[in-house]
Amino acid sequence: MAAVDDLQFEEFGNAATSLAANPDATTVNIEDPGETPKHQPGPPRGSGREEDDELLGNDDSDKTELLAGQKKSSPFWTFEYYQTFFDVDTYQVFDRIKGSLLPIPGKNFVRLYIRSNPDLYGPFWICATLVFAIAISGNLSNFLIHLGEKTYHYVPEFQKVSIAATIIYAYAWLVPLALWGFLMWRNSKVMNIVSYSFLEIVCVYGYSLFIYIPTAILWIIPQKAVRWILVMIALGISGSVLSMTFWPAVREDNRRVALATIVTIVLLHMLLSVGCLAYFFDAPEMDHLPTATATLNQTVAAAKSS
């Protein structure tokens, strides 16, 4: 049995002296709980590439794809699969509309508003509203231009609704499809290009068309100068959204290819706005003949038949 004197506590002095006397001793470092540990300064981070990754959403793209896969787990032939594309609340739609009307330089529209939950609800109803806004405003504009003419007989042009629907929905689906295919092709050529999904591109194009709804209503004003000013304003806002969204996806590509892609996107957008203005508002009304001329033609046709 050990003696009582052998079980006494010893007071240790300086740790360095103790370790020098017994190098093989095991030491335990107990830090003060209130003391904040000091971190070693790490190597400087590459701000340029990390800003690009943050802008393009590279840091959480894997998480987004995983969540998207979990969200859209139903088979594509079921109603539940397509129901997920319309699973969006009013706040998100208004926030995305506001983002399309107030583009922020240096901010990516997909990363800020779309990537967390891309939807088809907003683009579908924006296109539908734009179709009726263009068709109705075109009819009202034609009526106001000839208002007061005694020989003019107003006839509603319901065919403008179907024509506008074909133009708007074809643009909102076919152009994003072509752009998505092009980005996928370039992504296979240049590995560091970040591509968007087809749903994200459709979402961007759909929300970028919202500015044309109030613009089409204001096109009722029978002044060509006012109409063209409105076209330039709407084209500048929506074109900025498209350019700032898709430029980060192509800027790592060949310089000429990147610039040609952005110019093509803007030119197609310009063709849509200018074409709608020229066809639905500035086109001459050949089918609306004055009442006197129509009556004369009917009289001549009746005389020939008799």
Protein backbone atom coordinates (compact mmCIF):
# COMPACT_ATOMS: atom_id res chain seq x y z
CA MET A 1 0.00 0.00 0.00
CA ALA A 2 1.37 3.40 -0.98
CA ALA A 3 2.45 5.70 1.75
CA VAL A 4 0.47 8.81 2.55
CA ASP A 5 3.36 11.05 1.56
CA ASP A 6 3.39 9.59 -1.96
CA LEU A 7 -0.19 10.77 -2.59
CA GLN A 8 0.45 14.48 -2.14
CA PHE A 9 -0.30 17.04 -4.85
CA GLU A 10 2.65 18.79 -6.35
CA GLU A 11 2.64 22.40 -7.50
CA PHE A 12 3.98 22.70 -10.98
CA GLY A 13 5.90 25.75 -12.03
CA ASN A 14 6.66 26.91 -15.47
CA ALA A 15 5.43 24.52 -18.16
CA ALA A 16 8.56 24.96 -20.22
CA THR A 17 10.78 23.94 -17.27
CA SER A 18 8.66 20.86 -16.59
CA LEU A 19 8.77 19.78 -20.20
CA ALA A 20 12.52 20.26 -20.29
CA ALA A 21 12.94 17.99 -17.27
CA ASN A 22 10.59 15.31 -18.63
CA PRO A 23 10.29 15.48 -22.41
CA ASP A 24 8.15 12.33 -22.63
CA ALA A 25 5.36 13.72 -20.45
CA THR A 26 1.90 14.11 -21.87
CA THR A 27 0.48 17.63 -21.71
CA VAL A 28 -3.10 18.87 -21.94
CA ASN A 29 -3.86 22.47 -22.86
CA ILE A 30 -6.97 23.88 -21.17
CA GLU A 31 -7.96 27.24 -22.65
CA ASP A 32 -9.96 29.90 -20.92
CA PRO A 33 -13.61 29.66 -22.02
CA GLY A 34 -13.83 33.43 -22.30
CA GLU A 35 -10.77 33.67 -24.49
CA THR A 36 -11.43 34.00 -28.18
CA PRO A 37 -9.25 31.73 -30.28
CA LYS A 38 -7.02 33.47 -32.74
CA HIS A 39 -7.22 32.34 -36.31
CA GLN A 40 -4.24 32.14 -38.50
CA PRO A 41 -4.44 34.48 -41.48
CA GLY A 42 -5.25 32.42 -44.53
CA PRO A 43 -4.16 32.93 -48.08
CA PRO A 44 -5.88 35.79 -49.93
CA ARG A 45 -9.02 34.77 -51.78
CA GLY A 46 -9.38 35.30 -55.47
CA SER A 47 -12.02 37.99 -55.54
CA GLY A 48 -12.48 38.03 -59.31
CA ARG A 49 -13.45 34.41 -59.83
CA GLU A 50 -15.46 34.24 -56.61
CA GLU A 51 -17.48 37.29 -57.67
CA ASP A 52 -18.16 35.58 -60.98
CA ASP A 53 -19.18 32.40 -59.20
CA GLU A 54 -21.45 34.34 -56.88
CA LEU A 55 -22.97 36.19 -59.80
CA LEU A 56 -23.59 33.04 -61.76
CA GLY A 57 -24.66 30.98 -58.78
CA ASN A 58 -21.91 28.37 -58.95
CA ASP A 59 -21.61 28.08 -55.18
CA ASP A 60 -25.08 26.74 -54.65
CA SER A 61 -25.88 25.30 -58.05
CA ASP A 62 -25.47 21.75 -56.78
CA LYS A 63 -27.88 22.43 -53.92
CA THR A 64 -30.33 24.05 -56.32
CA GLU A 65 -30.23 21.10 -58.69
CA LEU A 66 -30.68 18.69 -55.79
CA LEU A 67 -33.66 20.62 -54.47
CA ALA A 68 -35.10 20.90 -57.95
CA GLY A 69 -34.78 17.16 -58.42
CA GLN A 70 -36.52 16.52 -55.12
CA LYS A 71 -39.24 19.01 -55.98
CA LYS A 72 -39.99 17.63 -59.45
CA SER A 73 -39.87 13.96 -58.61
CA SER A 74 -43.24 13.14 -60.23
CA PRO A 75 -43.28 11.61 -63.74
CA PHE A 76 -43.56 14.16 -66.52
CA TRP A 77 -46.86 12.73 -67.81
CA THR A 78 -48.65 13.43 -64.54
CA PHE A 79 -50.49 16.59 -63.54
CA GLU A 80 -48.42 16.89 -60.35
CA TYR A 81 -45.24 17.31 -62.38
CA TYR A 82 -46.52 20.42 -64.17
CA GLN A 83 -48.22 21.71 -61.05
CA THR A 84 -44.81 22.35 -59.50
CA PHE A 85 -44.06 24.92 -62.23
CA PHE A 86 -46.96 27.04 -60.97
CA ASP A 87 -46.10 26.68 -57.28
CA VAL A 88 -45.34 30.36 -56.64
CA ASP A 89 -46.90 32.95 -54.37
CA THR A 90 -48.01 36.50 -55.12
CA TYR A 91 -45.04 38.05 -53.32
CA GLN A 92 -42.54 36.18 -55.53
CA VAL A 93 -44.36 37.18 -58.71
CA PHE A 94 -44.50 40.86 -57.70
CA ASP A 95 -40.87 40.77 -56.66
CA ARG A 96 -39.83 39.35 -60.03
CA ILE A 97 -41.96 41.88 -61.89
CA LYS A 98 -40.31 44.65 -59.90
CA GLY A 99 -36.90 43.20 -60.72
CA SER A 100 -37.74 43.18 -64.45
CA LEU A 101 -38.83 46.84 -64.29
CA LEU A 102 -35.83 48.00 -62.24
CA PRO A 103 -32.75 46.12 -63.46
CA ILE A 104 -29.75 46.56 -61.16
CA PRO A 105 -26.37 46.83 -62.91
CA GLY A 106 -24.04 44.02 -61.89
CA LYS A 107 -26.85 41.88 -60.47
CA ASN A 108 -28.01 38.68 -62.12
CA PHE A 109 -31.79 38.38 -62.53
CA VAL A 110 -31.73 34.58 -62.45
CA ARG A 111 -29.71 34.39 -59.24
CA LEU A 112 -31.65 37.13 -57.43
CA TYR A 113 -35.21 36.15 -58.35
CA ILE A 114 -35.51 32.96 -60.42
CA ARG A 115 -33.05 30.24 -59.40
CA SER A 116 -34.61 29.49 -56.01
CA ASN A 117 -37.99 28.67 -57.60
CA PRO A 118 -38.41 29.10 -61.39
CA ASP A 119 -42.05 29.23 -62.42
CA LEU A 120 -44.31 29.37 -65.46
CA TYR A 121 -47.21 31.09 -63.71
CA GLY A 122 -45.84 34.60 -64.14
CA PRO A 123 -44.63 34.22 -67.74
CA PHE A 124 -47.90 32.57 -68.84
CA TRP A 125 -50.18 35.28 -67.48
CA ILE A 126 -47.85 38.09 -68.50
CA CYS A 127 -47.94 36.82 -72.10
CA ALA A 128 -51.74 36.37 -71.95
CA THR A 129 -52.22 39.89 -70.60
CA LEU A 130 -49.85 41.29 -73.21
CA VAL A 131 -51.80 39.56 -75.99
CA PHE A 132 -55.09 41.17 -74.99
CA ALA A 133 -53.42 44.51 -74.26
CA ILE A 134 -51.95 44.65 -77.78
CA ALA A 135 -55.15 43.46 -79.50
CA ILE A 136 -57.52 45.74 -77.58
CA SER A 137 -55.20 48.74 -77.72
CA GLY A 138 -54.73 48.23 -81.45
CA ASN A 139 -58.50 48.29 -82.01
CA LEU A 140 -58.95 51.36 -79.82
CA SER A 141 -56.07 53.13 -81.53
CA ASN A 142 -57.66 52.49 -84.93
CA PHE A 143 -60.99 53.80 -83.64
CA LEU A 144 -59.46 56.98 -82.19
CA ILE A 145 -57.50 57.72 -85.36
CA HIS A 146 -60.68 57.70 -87.50
CA LEU A 147 -62.90 59.20 -84.82
CA GLY A 148 -65.00 62.00 -86.32
CA GLU A 149 -64.82 60.80 -89.93
CA LYS A 150 -68.35 60.52 -91.26
CA THR A 151 -67.41 58.00 -93.92
CA TYR A 152 -65.68 55.62 -91.51
CA HIS A 153 -67.46 52.58 -90.12
CA TYR A 154 -65.70 50.89 -87.20
CA VAL A 155 -65.48 47.09 -87.30
CA PRO A 156 -63.70 45.23 -84.42
CA GLU A 157 -60.74 43.17 -85.55
CA PHE A 158 -60.94 40.04 -83.47
CA GLN A 159 -58.28 38.34 -85.57
CA LYS A 160 -55.70 40.55 -83.89
CA VAL A 161 -56.11 38.49 -80.71
CA SER A 162 -55.08 35.24 -82.40
CA ILE A 163 -52.27 36.93 -84.33
CA ALA A 164 -50.91 38.58 -81.19
CA ALA A 165 -51.15 35.30 -79.26
CA THR A 166 -49.21 33.46 -81.95
CA ILE A 167 -46.46 36.09 -82.05
CA ILE A 168 -46.06 36.54 -78.30
CA TYR A 169 -46.17 32.88 -77.27
CA ALA A 170 -43.95 31.80 -80.15
CA TYR A 171 -41.37 34.39 -79.12
CA ALA A 172 -41.63 33.52 -75.41
CA TRP A 173 -41.03 29.79 -76.09
CA LEU A 174 -39.09 29.35 -79.32
CA VAL A 175 -36.43 32.00 -78.67
CA PRO A 176 -35.63 30.64 -75.18
CA LEU A 177 -35.52 27.13 -76.64
CA ALA A 178 -33.01 28.20 -79.29
CA LEU A 179 -30.94 30.13 -76.74
CA TRP A 180 -30.93 27.20 -74.33
CA GLY A 181 -29.74 24.85 -77.07
CA PHE A 182 -27.02 27.31 -78.07
CA LEU A 183 -25.78 27.69 -74.49
CA MET A 184 -25.73 23.92 -74.02
CA TRP A 185 -23.72 23.55 -77.23
CA ARG A 186 -21.24 26.24 -76.20
CA ASN A 187 -21.00 24.68 -72.75
CA SER A 188 -19.75 21.49 -74.38
CA LYS A 189 -17.13 23.50 -76.26
CA VAL A 190 -15.99 25.74 -73.42
CA MET A 191 -16.12 23.92 -70.11
CA ASN A 192 -16.16 26.98 -67.82
CA ILE A 193 -19.35 28.43 -69.32
CA VAL A 194 -22.25 28.33 -66.89
CA SER A 195 -25.52 27.53 -68.60
CA TYR A 196 -29.08 28.17 -67.49
CA SER A 197 -31.89 25.65 -67.54
CA PHE A 198 -34.64 25.96 -70.14
CA LEU A 199 -37.18 26.82 -67.45
CA GLU A 200 -35.00 29.64 -66.13
CA ILE A 201 -34.59 31.13 -69.62
CA VAL A 202 -38.34 30.97 -70.27
CA CYS A 203 -38.92 32.63 -66.90
CA VAL A 204 -36.51 35.47 -67.71
CA TYR A 205 -38.09 36.12 -71.11
CA GLY A 206 -41.60 35.98 -69.70
CA TYR A 207 -40.96 38.52 -66.95
CA SER A 208 -38.97 40.77 -69.31
CA LEU A 209 -42.14 41.21 -71.41
CA PHE A 210 -44.10 42.78 -68.55
CA ILE A 211 -42.91 46.29 -69.42
CA TYR A 212 -44.73 46.01 -72.76
CA ILE A 213 -48.16 45.73 -71.06
CA PRO A 214 -48.32 49.38 -69.94
CA THR A 215 -46.45 50.34 -73.10
CA ALA A 216 -49.12 48.72 -75.31
CA ILE A 217 -51.85 50.55 -73.38
CA LEU A 218 -50.06 53.87 -73.91
CA TRP A 219 -49.72 53.09 -77.61
CA ILE A 220 -53.37 54.11 -77.86
CA ILE A 221 -52.13 57.71 -77.98
CA PRO A 222 -52.36 58.59 -81.70
CA GLN A 223 -48.94 60.23 -81.88
CA LYS A 224 -46.13 58.38 -83.65
CA ALA A 225 -43.42 60.28 -81.80
CA VAL A 226 -44.89 59.32 -78.43
CA ARG A 227 -45.20 55.70 -79.51
CA TRP A 228 -41.60 55.45 -80.63
CA ILE A 229 -40.37 57.05 -77.43
CA LEU A 230 -42.34 54.47 -75.46
CA VAL A 231 -40.83 51.70 -77.60
CA MET A 232 -37.31 52.91 -76.88
CA ILE A 233 -37.97 53.10 -73.13
CA ALA A 234 -39.52 49.62 -72.98
CA LEU A 235 -36.80 48.17 -75.17
CA GLY A 236 -34.08 49.74 -73.02
CA ILE A 237 -35.51 48.31 -69.78
CA SER A 238 -36.32 44.81 -71.02
CA GLY A 239 -33.21 44.61 -73.16
CA SER A 240 -31.08 45.50 -70.14
CA VAL A 241 -32.63 42.65 -68.17
CA LEU A 242 -31.83 40.16 -70.92
CA SER A 243 -28.33 41.49 -71.55
CA MET A 244 -27.27 41.56 -67.89
CA THR A 245 -28.75 38.10 -67.35
CA PHE A 246 -27.12 36.27 -70.26
CA TRP A 247 -23.84 38.15 -70.51
CA PRO A 248 -22.31 36.30 -67.50
CA ALA A 249 -23.18 33.01 -69.22
CA VAL A 250 -21.27 33.82 -72.42
CA ARG A 251 -18.50 36.22 -71.41
CA GLU A 252 -16.03 33.37 -70.84
CA ASP A 253 -16.56 32.26 -74.43
CA ASN A 254 -14.85 33.68 -77.49
CA ARG A 255 -15.21 37.45 -77.53
CA ARG A 256 -16.90 37.56 -80.92
CA VAL A 257 -19.26 34.73 -80.04
CA ALA A 258 -20.24 36.40 -76.77
CA LEU A 259 -20.92 39.78 -78.37
CA ALA A 260 -22.79 38.20 -81.28
CA THR A 261 -25.01 36.29 -78.83
CA ILE A 262 -25.97 39.42 -76.86
CA VAL A 263 -26.53 41.44 -80.03
CA THR A 264 -28.77 38.71 -81.44
CA ILE A 265 -30.82 38.59 -78.21
CA VAL A 266 -31.33 42.37 -78.28
CA LEU A 267 -32.12 42.45 -82.02
CA LEU A 268 -34.79 39.75 -81.68
CA HIS A 269 -36.30 41.66 -78.77
CA MET A 270 -36.27 44.84 -80.84
CA LEU A 271 -37.88 43.03 -83.76
CA LEU A 272 -40.72 41.91 -81.51
CA SER A 273 -41.47 45.37 -80.13
CA VAL A 274 -41.10 47.26 -83.40
CA GLY A 275 -43.05 44.60 -85.30
CA CYS A 276 -45.97 44.73 -82.86
CA LEU A 277 -46.07 48.51 -83.06
CA ALA A 278 -45.90 48.56 -86.83
CA TYR A 279 -48.47 45.80 -87.42
CA PHE A 280 -51.07 46.42 -84.73
CA PHE A 281 -50.92 50.22 -84.52
CA ASP A 282 -49.29 51.78 -87.59
CA ALA A 283 -50.52 49.41 -90.32
CA PRO A 284 -52.99 50.92 -92.81
CA GLU A 285 -56.51 49.60 -92.41
CA MET A 286 -57.29 48.21 -95.86
CA ASP A 287 -60.27 46.14 -94.78
CA HIS A 288 -62.15 49.07 -93.28
CA LEU A 289 -63.50 50.90 -96.29
CA PRO A 290 -65.61 54.02 -95.87
CA THR A 291 -69.35 53.47 -95.82
CA ALA A 292 -69.99 55.36 -99.04
CA THR A 293 -67.37 53.37 -100.96
CA ALA A 294 -68.69 50.09 -99.59
CA THR A 295 -72.24 51.01 -100.58
CA LEU A 296 -71.09 51.93 -104.10
CA ASN A 297 -69.29 48.61 -104.48
CA GLN A 298 -72.37 46.73 -103.34
CA THR A 299 -74.49 48.63 -105.87
CA VAL A 300 -72.07 47.86 -108.69
CA ALA A 301 -71.95 44.17 -107.73
CA ALA A 302 -75.76 43.97 -107.65
CA ALA A 303 -76.01 45.59 -111.07
CA LYS A 304 -73.54 43.13 -112.57
CA SER A 305 -75.33 40.14 -111.14
CA SER A 306 -78.69 41.30 -112.53
